[in-house]
Amino acid sequence: MESNQVSKSEFKAKALELFRQVEASGESVVVTDHGKPTLEVRRYRNNERNPFDVLRGSVVRYDDPTEPVDIEWEAAR
């Protein structure tokens, strides 16, 4: 998905047109202030996913979770 950049003043003048453009094309619009990106207007995506599906595959290593850790923690001092 590409993004178009517009200044704040241009966004103010063409906001409804830019909203329609984002809805139709799916491309985001980045609003800049003095040439620096400040906001991104993009299409809303309803991401109602099961939290377990989001975390699936994120565990890198699972040896023995009940074994004591051989590291001294600062909080234990």
C-alpha atoms as a PDB file:
ATOM      1  CA  MET A   1       0.000   0.000   0.000  1.00  0.00           C
ATOM      2  CA  GLU A   2       1.540   3.326  -1.039  1.00  0.00           C
ATOM      3  CA  SER A   3       1.073   6.550   0.859  1.00  0.00           C
ATOM      4  CA  ASN A   4       0.491  10.046  -0.468  1.00  0.00           C
ATOM      5  CA  GLN A   5       1.729  13.089   1.424  1.00  0.00           C
ATOM      6  CA  VAL A   6      -0.185  16.341   1.846  1.00  0.00           C
ATOM      7  CA  SER A   7       0.467  19.399   3.977  1.00  0.00           C
ATOM      8  CA  LYS A   8      -1.852  20.345   6.836  1.00  0.00           C
ATOM      9  CA  SER A   9      -3.228  23.278   4.890  1.00  0.00           C
ATOM     10  CA  GLU A  10      -3.918  21.117   1.826  1.00  0.00           C
ATOM     11  CA  PHE A  11      -5.527  18.472   4.043  1.00  0.00           C
ATOM     12  CA  LYS A  12      -7.762  21.096   5.633  1.00  0.00           C
ATOM     13  CA  ALA A  13      -8.949  22.300   2.239  1.00  0.00           C
ATOM     14  CA  LYS A  14      -9.453  18.829   0.722  1.00  0.00           C
ATOM     15  CA  ALA A  15     -10.261  16.601   3.712  1.00  0.00           C
ATOM     16  CA  LEU A  16     -13.506  15.092   2.372  1.00  0.00           C
ATOM     17  CA  GLU A  17     -11.967  14.478  -1.039  1.00  0.00           C
ATOM     18  CA  LEU A  18      -8.961  12.781   0.591  1.00  0.00           C
ATOM     19  CA  PHE A  19     -11.231  10.657   2.801  1.00  0.00           C
ATOM     20  CA  ARG A  20     -13.102   9.426  -0.271  1.00  0.00           C
ATOM     21  CA  GLN A  21      -9.809   8.734  -2.034  1.00  0.00           C
ATOM     22  CA  VAL A  22      -8.559   6.650   0.894  1.00  0.00           C
ATOM     23  CA  GLU A  23     -11.851   4.720   1.042  1.00  0.00           C
ATOM     24  CA  ALA A  24     -11.838   4.012  -2.694  1.00  0.00           C
ATOM     25  CA  SER A  25      -8.180   3.178  -3.247  1.00  0.00           C
ATOM     26  CA  GLY A  26      -7.107   1.846   0.132  1.00  0.00           C
ATOM     27  CA  GLU A  27      -3.950   3.971  -0.058  1.00  0.00           C
ATOM     28  CA  SER A  28      -3.088   5.932   3.067  1.00  0.00           C
ATOM     29  CA  VAL A  29      -2.505   9.683   3.194  1.00  0.00           C
ATOM     30  CA  VAL A  30       0.281  11.121   5.353  1.00  0.00           C
ATOM     31  CA  VAL A  31      -0.347  14.648   6.643  1.00  0.00           C
ATOM     32  CA  THR A  32       2.806  16.724   7.080  1.00  0.00           C
ATOM     33  CA  ASP A  33       3.585  19.751   9.224  1.00  0.00           C
ATOM     34  CA  HIS A  34       6.489  21.816   7.885  1.00  0.00           C
ATOM     35  CA  GLY A  35       7.541  18.828   5.779  1.00  0.00           C
ATOM     36  CA  LYS A  36       7.562  16.331   8.664  1.00  0.00           C
ATOM     37  CA  PRO A  37       4.989  13.519   8.786  1.00  0.00           C
ATOM     38  CA  THR A  38       2.589  13.993  11.708  1.00  0.00           C
ATOM     39  CA  LEU A  39      -0.579  12.008  10.930  1.00  0.00           C
ATOM     40  CA  GLU A  40      -1.605   9.077   8.780  1.00  0.00           C
ATOM     41  CA  VAL A  41      -5.135   8.689   7.462  1.00  0.00           C
ATOM     42  CA  ARG A  42      -5.848   5.139   6.402  1.00  0.00           C
ATOM     43  CA  ARG A  43      -8.730   2.802   5.885  1.00  0.00           C
ATOM     44  CA  TYR A  44     -10.169   1.249   9.055  1.00  0.00           C
ATOM     45  CA  ARG A  45      -9.649  -2.482   9.371  1.00  0.00           C
ATOM     46  CA  ASN A  46     -11.670  -4.432  11.882  1.00  0.00           C
ATOM     47  CA  ASN A  47      -9.110  -6.833  13.280  1.00  0.00           C
ATOM     48  CA  GLU A  48     -11.162  -8.866  15.684  1.00  0.00           C
ATOM     49  CA  ARG A  49      -8.797 -11.797  16.038  1.00  0.00           C
ATOM     50  CA  ASN A  50      -8.384 -14.329  18.761  1.00  0.00           C
ATOM     51  CA  PRO A  51      -5.444 -13.262  20.985  1.00  0.00           C
ATOM     52  CA  PHE A  52      -4.064 -16.803  20.808  1.00  0.00           C
ATOM     53  CA  ASP A  53      -3.968 -16.556  17.012  1.00  0.00           C
ATOM     54  CA  VAL A  54      -1.981 -13.322  17.315  1.00  0.00           C
ATOM     55  CA  LEU A  55       0.574 -14.981  19.612  1.00  0.00           C
ATOM     56  CA  ARG A  56       0.721 -18.308  17.770  1.00  0.00           C
ATOM     57  CA  GLY A  57       4.281 -19.013  16.634  1.00  0.00           C
ATOM     58  CA  SER A  58       5.816 -16.305  18.818  1.00  0.00           C
ATOM     59  CA  VAL A  59       7.443 -18.675  21.343  1.00  0.00           C
ATOM     60  CA  VAL A  60      10.982 -19.236  20.167  1.00  0.00           C
ATOM     61  CA  ARG A  61      12.141 -21.729  22.776  1.00  0.00           C
ATOM     62  CA  TYR A  62      10.285 -23.729  25.415  1.00  0.00           C
ATOM     63  CA  ASP A  63      12.664 -26.023  27.300  1.00  0.00           C
ATOM     64  CA  ASP A  64      11.393 -26.441  30.847  1.00  0.00           C
ATOM     65  CA  PRO A  65       9.420 -23.484  32.198  1.00  0.00           C
ATOM     66  CA  THR A  66       9.369 -24.841  35.769  1.00  0.00           C
ATOM     67  CA  GLU A  67      13.171 -24.974  36.146  1.00  0.00           C
ATOM     68  CA  PRO A  68      14.739 -22.239  38.320  1.00  0.00           C
ATOM     69  CA  VAL A  69      16.564 -19.440  36.538  1.00  0.00           C
ATOM     70  CA  ASP A  70      20.312 -19.208  37.267  1.00  0.00           C
ATOM     71  CA  ILE A  71      20.333 -15.413  36.991  1.00  0.00           C
ATOM     72  CA  GLU A  72      20.357 -13.084  40.006  1.00  0.00           C
ATOM     73  CA  TRP A  73      17.705 -10.407  39.604  1.00  0.00           C
ATOM     74  CA  GLU A  74      18.140  -6.833  40.775  1.00  0.00           C
ATOM     75  CA  ALA A  75      14.780  -7.015  42.549  1.00  0.00           C
ATOM     76  CA  ALA A  76      16.026  -9.920  44.692  1.00  0.00           C
ATOM     77  CA  ARG A  77      18.797  -7.770  46.232  1.00  0.00           C
END
